[in-house]
Amino acid sequence: MTDTKAIVGRVRTDEPRTQDLEVVPVRNYGRWLAAAASLLALAGLVGSLAKNRNLHWDIIGDYLFAPLIFDGLTTTLWLTTAAMALGLGLGTLIAVMRLSSSPVLYGLATLFVWIFRGTPLLVQIIFWGYAAALYQYVKIGIPFTDVTFFQAETNALLTPAVAALLALGLNEAAYASEIVRAGIQSVDIGQAEAAHSLGMRPALTMRRIVLPQAMRVIIPPMGNETINMLKMTALVSVISAHDLMSNIQDVYAQNYQVIPLLVVASIWYLALVTLLSVPQAWLERRYGRGTTRAGDVSVMNRMFGTAAGLLRKANKEAGR
């Protein structure tokens, strides 16, 4: 008979030990060359802009913190906040209506989304800004009768700021409703059925069971919508809503320094978008706990993590 234990022992002793294997890291030369070329191109662009006299850095410095700019920033920020609040609240209601079994509610919600998502935002801003050309007075009363409870001139009621808020908020509501609807539909139907079996009402089930789970899907695109809303406020300059872009246009219409003042606007928009990205990233991590992939980390963490890894590797090789 063959001694199997001796054969197994002989085979195992013949195999190379793990300690004897030399680990050779993969050399990503193409990645390093691409990174070097990108940094070189970026340095060239920054150097070209820094030396370009047509930018007039002195004018940029004079207007970067001017009171007129801060007045426009205040309007831009409150327009963004108010329009997102209106859009998110109304969008959630429309999303629930579109998921309703009532054909009337579903039809009205679908019509709303079709109109405000199907027409350009710039057209809607101009429409609300010149709504007095359609209706001279805004009246609230009993239809088809002369009974009126409220009446006001359209121009006095729809100021440029109010018109901009209505246009931005209603347009955002159409997009937010689709985001919320997708988030609600991402929750398993068994969650709602289990809540109903426990005696919970549909409204309570939606508020306590469905929406908290749907936030994981809603938060990322809604954060992008908030950032997009901040930038879309620049369009209200066509009706002189005194936002940041409106004030910038008023200035360069007088001194003809278009490029320097556009750089001022770009710097402030970039700063505000960067600030908005911080709570968005926190909310994504907060509602994505347990489901977030390990690779979903911020750009700064990836950069600093890579640098720290290279430093540890260099110290390890130097200590050998």
Protein backbone atom coordinates (compact mmCIF):
# COMPACT_ATOMS: atom_id res chain seq x y z
CA MET A 1 0.00 0.00 0.00
CA THR A 2 1.09 3.59 -0.70
CA ASP A 3 1.79 5.80 2.26
CA THR A 4 -0.41 8.86 1.45
CA LYS A 5 0.83 10.79 4.47
CA ALA A 6 4.41 10.59 3.27
CA ILE A 7 3.36 11.74 -0.23
CA VAL A 8 1.40 14.72 1.15
CA GLY A 9 4.26 15.66 3.45
CA ARG A 10 6.74 15.39 0.59
CA VAL A 11 4.58 17.54 -1.71
CA ARG A 12 4.09 20.22 0.93
CA THR A 13 7.79 20.43 1.74
CA ASP A 14 8.56 20.84 -1.94
CA GLU A 15 6.25 23.90 -2.25
CA PRO A 16 7.94 27.32 -1.84
CA ARG A 17 7.18 29.10 1.38
CA THR A 18 5.30 32.39 1.35
CA GLN A 19 8.16 34.15 3.12
CA ASP A 20 10.46 33.29 0.22
CA LEU A 21 8.26 34.97 -2.39
CA GLU A 22 9.25 38.46 -3.47
CA VAL A 23 6.30 40.79 -3.99
CA VAL A 24 6.90 43.05 -6.98
CA PRO A 25 4.50 46.01 -7.15
CA VAL A 26 2.94 46.91 -10.48
CA ARG A 27 4.65 49.91 -12.05
CA ASN A 28 1.99 52.30 -13.33
CA TYR A 29 4.24 54.41 -15.51
CA GLY A 30 1.37 55.59 -17.71
CA ARG A 31 -0.52 56.91 -14.70
CA TRP A 32 2.48 58.88 -13.47
CA LEU A 33 3.15 60.30 -16.93
CA ALA A 34 -0.49 61.36 -17.29
CA ALA A 35 -0.41 63.00 -13.84
CA ALA A 36 2.81 64.84 -14.66
CA ALA A 37 1.43 66.05 -18.00
CA SER A 38 -1.80 67.22 -16.35
CA LEU A 39 0.05 69.14 -13.63
CA LEU A 40 2.34 70.70 -16.22
CA ALA A 41 -0.62 71.84 -18.32
CA LEU A 42 -2.36 73.22 -15.23
CA ALA A 43 0.76 75.12 -14.19
CA GLY A 44 1.06 76.56 -17.68
CA LEU A 45 -2.57 77.71 -17.66
CA VAL A 46 -2.28 79.29 -14.21
CA GLY A 47 0.94 81.03 -15.20
CA SER A 48 -0.61 82.34 -18.40
CA LEU A 49 -3.61 83.74 -16.53
CA ALA A 50 -1.44 85.27 -13.83
CA LYS A 51 0.66 87.15 -16.40
CA ASN A 52 -2.27 88.21 -18.59
CA ARG A 53 -2.71 91.95 -18.18
CA ASN A 54 -6.13 91.89 -19.82
CA LEU A 55 -7.55 90.28 -16.68
CA HIS A 56 -6.86 93.47 -14.69
CA TRP A 57 -6.24 91.86 -11.32
CA ASP A 58 -6.46 95.27 -9.67
CA ILE A 59 -10.08 95.62 -10.78
CA ILE A 60 -10.82 92.08 -9.57
CA GLY A 61 -9.39 92.97 -6.17
CA ASP A 62 -11.41 96.20 -6.00
CA TYR A 63 -14.75 94.53 -6.71
CA LEU A 64 -14.24 91.15 -5.04
CA PHE A 65 -15.42 92.44 -1.65
CA ALA A 66 -17.41 95.46 -2.81
CA PRO A 67 -20.73 96.19 -0.99
CA LEU A 68 -22.61 95.82 -4.29
CA ILE A 69 -21.30 92.27 -4.63
CA PHE A 70 -22.39 91.35 -1.10
CA ASP A 71 -25.87 92.74 -1.77
CA GLY A 72 -26.11 90.46 -4.81
CA LEU A 73 -24.79 87.50 -2.81
CA THR A 74 -27.50 88.02 -0.21
CA THR A 75 -30.21 87.91 -2.87
CA THR A 76 -28.63 84.88 -4.53
CA LEU A 77 -28.47 82.95 -1.25
CA TRP A 78 -32.03 83.65 -0.15
CA LEU A 79 -33.33 82.89 -3.63
CA THR A 80 -31.51 79.55 -3.57
CA THR A 81 -32.77 78.67 -0.10
CA ALA A 82 -36.36 79.75 -0.68
CA ALA A 83 -36.61 78.17 -4.14
CA MET A 84 -35.22 74.85 -2.89
CA ALA A 85 -37.60 74.86 0.08
CA LEU A 86 -40.55 75.58 -2.22
CA GLY A 87 -39.38 73.05 -4.80
CA LEU A 88 -38.71 70.27 -2.29
CA GLY A 89 -41.99 70.74 -0.40
CA LEU A 90 -44.14 71.01 -3.50
CA GLY A 91 -42.12 68.32 -5.27
CA THR A 92 -42.72 65.84 -2.45
CA LEU A 93 -46.45 66.53 -2.63
CA ILE A 94 -46.47 66.08 -6.41
CA ALA A 95 -44.47 62.85 -6.11
CA VAL A 96 -47.04 61.43 -3.69
CA MET A 97 -49.83 62.55 -6.04
CA ARG A 98 -48.17 60.77 -8.96
CA LEU A 99 -48.00 57.59 -6.90
CA SER A 100 -51.64 57.94 -5.86
CA SER A 101 -54.28 55.54 -7.13
CA SER A 102 -56.58 58.49 -7.85
CA PRO A 103 -56.58 59.25 -11.60
CA VAL A 104 -57.39 62.91 -10.92
CA LEU A 105 -54.41 63.46 -8.60
CA TYR A 106 -52.15 61.50 -10.92
CA GLY A 107 -53.30 63.49 -13.95
CA LEU A 108 -52.83 66.88 -12.26
CA ALA A 109 -49.37 65.96 -11.01
CA THR A 110 -48.34 64.61 -14.41
CA LEU A 111 -49.60 67.80 -16.10
CA PHE A 112 -47.60 69.95 -13.69
CA VAL A 113 -44.40 68.01 -14.35
CA TRP A 114 -45.01 68.04 -18.09
CA ILE A 115 -45.39 71.84 -18.23
CA PHE A 116 -42.62 72.98 -15.89
CA ARG A 117 -40.09 70.34 -16.91
CA GLY A 118 -40.84 70.68 -20.61
CA THR A 119 -40.29 74.44 -20.92
CA PRO A 120 -36.91 76.19 -20.48
CA LEU A 121 -36.25 77.85 -17.16
CA LEU A 122 -35.31 81.10 -18.88
CA VAL A 123 -38.72 81.20 -20.58
CA GLN A 124 -40.45 80.64 -17.23
CA ILE A 125 -38.45 83.44 -15.58
CA ILE A 126 -39.37 85.90 -18.34
CA PHE A 127 -43.01 84.75 -18.23
CA TRP A 128 -43.36 85.41 -14.50
CA GLY A 129 -41.45 88.66 -14.82
CA TYR A 130 -43.90 89.95 -17.44
CA ALA A 131 -47.04 88.25 -16.14
CA ALA A 132 -48.77 91.64 -15.93
CA ALA A 133 -48.99 91.62 -19.72
CA LEU A 134 -51.31 88.63 -19.39
CA TYR A 135 -53.25 89.58 -16.24
CA GLN A 136 -53.31 93.17 -15.05
CA TYR A 137 -54.81 92.18 -11.72
CA VAL A 138 -54.51 89.11 -9.53
CA LYS A 139 -57.95 88.17 -8.21
CA ILE A 140 -59.08 85.43 -5.84
CA GLY A 141 -62.76 84.69 -5.57
CA ILE A 142 -65.58 82.40 -6.65
CA PRO A 143 -65.18 81.33 -10.30
CA PHE A 144 -67.77 82.51 -12.84
CA THR A 145 -69.13 85.13 -10.41
CA ASP A 146 -68.27 88.71 -9.47
CA VAL A 147 -67.46 87.74 -5.88
CA THR A 148 -63.80 88.64 -5.14
CA PHE A 149 -62.01 88.05 -1.86
CA PHE A 150 -58.63 89.45 -2.86
CA GLN A 151 -57.44 91.77 -5.62
CA ALA A 152 -54.07 93.39 -6.33
CA GLU A 153 -52.12 94.74 -9.26
CA THR A 154 -49.88 92.12 -10.80
CA ASN A 155 -46.87 94.45 -11.06
CA ALA A 156 -47.15 95.36 -7.39
CA LEU A 157 -47.56 91.74 -6.34
CA LEU A 158 -45.04 90.08 -8.64
CA THR A 159 -41.88 92.05 -8.01
CA PRO A 160 -38.74 90.83 -9.81
CA ALA A 161 -37.65 88.92 -6.68
CA VAL A 162 -41.06 87.24 -6.27
CA ALA A 163 -41.22 86.41 -9.97
CA ALA A 164 -37.74 84.87 -9.79
CA LEU A 165 -38.73 82.83 -6.72
CA LEU A 166 -41.87 81.48 -8.41
CA ALA A 167 -39.99 80.56 -11.58
CA LEU A 168 -37.12 78.85 -9.78
CA GLY A 169 -39.31 77.14 -7.17
CA LEU A 170 -41.94 75.78 -9.54
CA ASN A 171 -39.33 74.59 -12.01
CA GLU A 172 -37.42 72.87 -9.22
CA ALA A 173 -40.62 71.25 -7.94
CA ALA A 174 -41.03 69.41 -11.25
CA TYR A 175 -37.52 67.94 -11.06
CA ALA A 176 -37.64 67.32 -7.30
CA SER A 177 -40.89 65.38 -7.68
CA GLU A 178 -39.21 62.90 -10.00
CA ILE A 179 -36.25 62.51 -7.64
CA VAL A 180 -38.53 61.93 -4.65
CA ARG A 181 -40.72 59.55 -6.63
CA ALA A 182 -37.67 57.50 -7.62
CA GLY A 183 -36.55 57.40 -3.99
CA ILE A 184 -39.96 56.26 -2.78
CA GLN A 185 -40.15 53.54 -5.43
CA SER A 186 -36.69 52.30 -4.44
CA VAL A 187 -38.08 51.20 -1.03
CA ASP A 188 -39.41 47.66 -1.03
CA ILE A 189 -43.21 47.55 -1.10
CA GLY A 190 -43.14 45.05 1.74
CA GLN A 191 -42.05 47.84 4.11
CA ALA A 192 -45.31 49.73 3.56
CA GLU A 193 -47.37 46.54 3.67
CA ALA A 194 -45.84 45.59 7.01
CA ALA A 195 -46.58 49.05 8.38
CA HIS A 196 -50.18 48.85 7.20
CA SER A 197 -50.57 45.45 8.82
CA LEU A 198 -49.54 47.04 12.13
CA GLY A 199 -52.32 49.59 11.78
CA MET A 200 -50.28 52.57 10.59
CA ARG A 201 -52.07 55.02 8.34
CA PRO A 202 -50.71 55.70 4.83
CA ALA A 203 -49.54 59.23 5.72
CA LEU A 204 -47.75 57.99 8.84
CA THR A 205 -46.24 55.09 6.90
CA MET A 206 -44.90 57.49 4.30
CA ARG A 207 -43.44 59.83 6.91
CA ARG A 208 -42.00 57.28 9.34
CA ILE A 209 -41.17 54.24 7.21
CA VAL A 210 -40.80 55.01 3.51
CA LEU A 211 -39.25 58.49 3.33
CA PRO A 212 -36.41 57.82 5.84
CA GLN A 213 -35.31 54.83 3.75
CA ALA A 214 -35.76 56.74 0.49
CA MET A 215 -33.42 59.51 1.66
CA ARG A 216 -30.41 57.39 0.69
CA VAL A 217 -31.52 57.65 -2.93
CA ILE A 218 -32.89 61.20 -2.73
CA ILE A 219 -29.97 63.01 -1.07
CA PRO A 220 -27.24 62.75 -3.78
CA PRO A 221 -29.31 64.08 -6.72
CA MET A 222 -31.04 66.62 -4.48
CA GLY A 223 -27.66 67.94 -3.40
CA ASN A 224 -26.75 68.37 -7.04
CA GLU A 225 -30.05 70.16 -7.61
CA THR A 226 -29.20 72.59 -4.80
CA ILE A 227 -25.84 73.37 -6.37
CA ASN A 228 -27.49 73.71 -9.76
CA MET A 229 -30.12 76.03 -8.26
CA LEU A 230 -27.39 78.30 -6.90
CA LYS A 231 -25.96 78.67 -10.39
CA MET A 232 -29.34 78.96 -12.09
CA THR A 233 -30.12 82.06 -10.04
CA ALA A 234 -27.82 83.87 -12.47
CA LEU A 235 -30.62 83.61 -15.06
CA VAL A 236 -32.88 85.94 -13.07
CA SER A 237 -30.62 88.78 -14.17
CA VAL A 238 -32.84 89.04 -17.28
CA ILE A 239 -35.59 90.53 -15.10
CA SER A 240 -33.19 92.54 -12.90
CA ALA A 241 -33.78 90.65 -9.66
CA HIS A 242 -30.68 92.28 -8.09
CA ASP A 243 -28.85 89.00 -7.59
CA LEU A 244 -25.09 88.60 -7.88
CA MET A 245 -25.10 88.37 -11.67
CA SER A 246 -27.51 91.29 -12.04
CA ASN A 247 -25.25 93.56 -10.01
CA ILE A 248 -22.20 92.36 -11.93
CA GLN A 249 -23.92 93.22 -15.21
CA ASP A 250 -24.87 96.65 -13.92
CA VAL A 251 -21.22 97.37 -13.13
CA TYR A 252 -19.63 96.19 -16.37
CA ALA A 253 -22.34 97.98 -18.36
CA GLN A 254 -20.82 101.18 -17.00
CA ASN A 255 -17.06 100.51 -16.96
CA TYR A 256 -16.95 97.91 -19.80
CA GLN A 257 -14.65 95.63 -17.75
CA VAL A 258 -16.56 92.47 -18.64
CA ILE A 259 -13.90 89.81 -18.13
CA PRO A 260 -12.59 90.99 -14.73
CA LEU A 261 -16.10 91.25 -13.31
CA LEU A 262 -17.05 87.84 -14.68
CA VAL A 263 -13.99 86.48 -12.88
CA VAL A 264 -15.30 88.07 -9.67
CA ALA A 265 -18.67 86.35 -10.17
CA SER A 266 -16.98 83.02 -10.94
CA ILE A 267 -14.86 83.21 -7.78
CA TRP A 268 -17.91 83.75 -5.59
CA TYR A 269 -19.96 81.04 -7.31
CA LEU A 270 -17.09 78.59 -6.91
CA ALA A 271 -16.74 79.49 -3.22
CA LEU A 272 -20.47 79.01 -2.57
CA VAL A 273 -20.60 75.72 -4.47
CA THR A 274 -17.62 74.46 -2.46
CA LEU A 275 -19.37 75.34 0.79
CA LEU A 276 -22.55 73.58 -0.32
CA SER A 277 -20.60 70.45 -1.21
CA VAL A 278 -19.57 69.94 2.43
CA PRO A 279 -23.06 69.34 3.91
CA GLN A 280 -24.01 67.33 0.83
CA ALA A 281 -21.12 64.93 1.41
CA TRP A 282 -22.00 64.67 5.11
CA LEU A 283 -25.66 63.90 4.37
CA GLU A 284 -24.67 61.26 1.80
CA ARG A 285 -22.48 59.51 4.37
CA ARG A 286 -25.15 59.92 7.07
CA TYR A 287 -27.98 58.33 5.09
CA GLY A 288 -25.74 55.88 3.23
CA ARG A 289 -24.37 54.13 6.33
CA GLY A 290 -24.21 50.41 5.79
CA THR A 291 -24.57 50.69 2.03
CA THR A 292 -21.82 53.11 1.00
CA ARG A 293 -19.03 51.46 -0.92
CA ALA A 294 -15.50 51.76 0.35
CA GLY A 295 -14.48 53.65 -2.76
CA ASP A 296 -17.01 56.42 -2.18
CA VAL A 297 -14.65 58.84 -0.46
CA SER A 298 -14.03 62.49 -1.11
CA VAL A 299 -11.38 63.72 -3.52
CA MET A 300 -9.36 65.30 -0.71
CA ASN A 301 -9.38 62.08 1.29
CA ARG A 302 -8.19 60.16 -1.75
CA MET A 303 -5.40 62.65 -2.41
CA PHE A 304 -4.20 62.81 1.18
CA GLY A 305 -4.65 59.06 1.60
CA THR A 306 -2.53 58.38 -1.48
CA ALA A 307 0.15 60.81 -0.30
CA ALA A 308 0.22 59.22 3.15
CA GLY A 309 0.52 55.77 1.61
CA LEU A 310 3.45 56.85 -0.54
CA LEU A 311 5.13 58.42 2.47
CA ARG A 312 4.74 55.25 4.54
CA LYS A 313 6.13 53.19 1.69
CA ALA A 314 9.15 55.49 1.36
CA ASN A 315 9.86 55.37 5.10
CA LYS A 316 9.55 51.58 5.07
CA GLU A 317 12.02 51.23 2.21
CA ALA A 318 14.43 53.69 3.86
CA GLY A 319 14.41 51.68 7.09
CA ARG A 320 15.50 48.46 5.39
